């Protein structure tokens, strides 16, 4: 019988940029990552949501909301 354990490693990376500077935040909870991305976009930042494997998941334009990925 195998045991399943939840990974504590990040599931989602946010790349947050104002055009001249960028920073990264990592999340292990997808819903929290989306809420954070929406908040950063609402504050005027461009946000890219990337999976832990490096795949682009979703983008958020400043103040405009989500863009398809």
Protein backbone atom coordinates (compact mmCIF):
# COMPACT_ATOMS: atom_id res chain seq x y z
CA UNK A 1 0.00 0.00 0.00
CA UNK A 2 1.37 3.39 -0.92
CA UNK A 3 1.01 6.58 1.03
CA UNK A 4 0.23 9.83 -0.68
CA UNK A 5 1.63 13.02 0.73
CA UNK A 6 1.03 16.57 -0.29
CA UNK A 7 3.99 18.43 -1.63
CA UNK A 8 5.07 21.53 0.24
CA UNK A 9 6.90 22.86 -2.81
CA UNK A 10 5.43 25.85 -4.66
CA UNK A 11 2.73 25.11 -7.20
CA UNK A 12 2.50 28.56 -8.78
CA UNK A 13 4.98 31.37 -9.40
CA UNK A 14 3.86 34.95 -9.99
CA UNK A 15 6.15 37.19 -12.01
CA UNK A 16 5.14 40.74 -11.10
CA UNK A 17 6.45 43.65 -13.17
CA UNK A 18 6.05 47.41 -13.41
CA UNK A 19 7.93 47.56 -16.72
CA UNK A 20 11.37 48.31 -15.34
CA UNK A 21 11.57 46.00 -12.33
CA UNK A 22 10.16 42.56 -11.62
CA UNK A 23 9.84 40.28 -8.64
CA UNK A 24 8.60 36.75 -8.00
CA UNK A 25 6.21 35.33 -5.42
CA UNK A 26 5.49 31.63 -4.98
CA UNK A 27 2.32 29.98 -3.74
CA UNK A 28 1.36 26.43 -2.89
CA UNK A 29 -2.36 27.34 -3.05
CA UNK A 30 -3.69 28.12 -6.55
CA UNK A 31 -6.71 30.14 -5.37
CA UNK A 32 -4.50 32.35 -3.19
CA UNK A 33 -2.14 32.88 -6.13
CA UNK A 34 -5.06 34.05 -8.30
CA UNK A 35 -6.29 36.46 -5.61
CA UNK A 36 -2.78 37.85 -5.19
CA UNK A 37 -2.30 38.22 -8.96
CA UNK A 38 -5.60 40.08 -9.26
CA UNK A 39 -4.60 42.39 -6.39
CA UNK A 40 -1.21 43.18 -7.98
CA UNK A 41 -2.88 43.81 -11.35
CA UNK A 42 -5.42 46.06 -9.65
CA UNK A 43 -2.52 48.05 -8.21
CA UNK A 44 -1.09 48.61 -11.71
CA UNK A 45 1.34 45.71 -12.16
CA UNK A 46 1.62 43.26 -15.04
CA UNK A 47 1.47 39.70 -13.66
CA UNK A 48 2.29 36.36 -15.27
CA UNK A 49 1.22 33.18 -13.50
CA UNK A 50 3.62 30.29 -14.16
CA UNK A 51 3.45 26.67 -13.00
CA UNK A 52 6.27 25.12 -10.98
CA UNK A 53 7.36 23.35 -14.16
CA UNK A 54 7.72 26.67 -16.03
CA UNK A 55 4.51 26.56 -18.07
CA UNK A 56 2.67 29.87 -18.55
CA UNK A 57 -0.78 29.53 -16.99
CA UNK A 58 -2.42 32.94 -17.06
CA UNK A 59 -1.64 36.61 -17.37
CA UNK A 60 -3.13 39.66 -15.67
CA UNK A 61 -2.99 43.12 -17.21
CA UNK A 62 -2.82 46.16 -14.98
CA UNK A 63 -6.36 47.14 -13.92
CA UNK A 64 -7.88 45.25 -16.91
CA UNK A 65 -8.10 41.75 -15.49
CA UNK A 66 -7.08 38.37 -16.87
CA UNK A 67 -5.66 37.64 -20.28
CA UNK A 68 -5.90 34.20 -21.83
CA UNK A 69 -2.99 31.83 -21.56
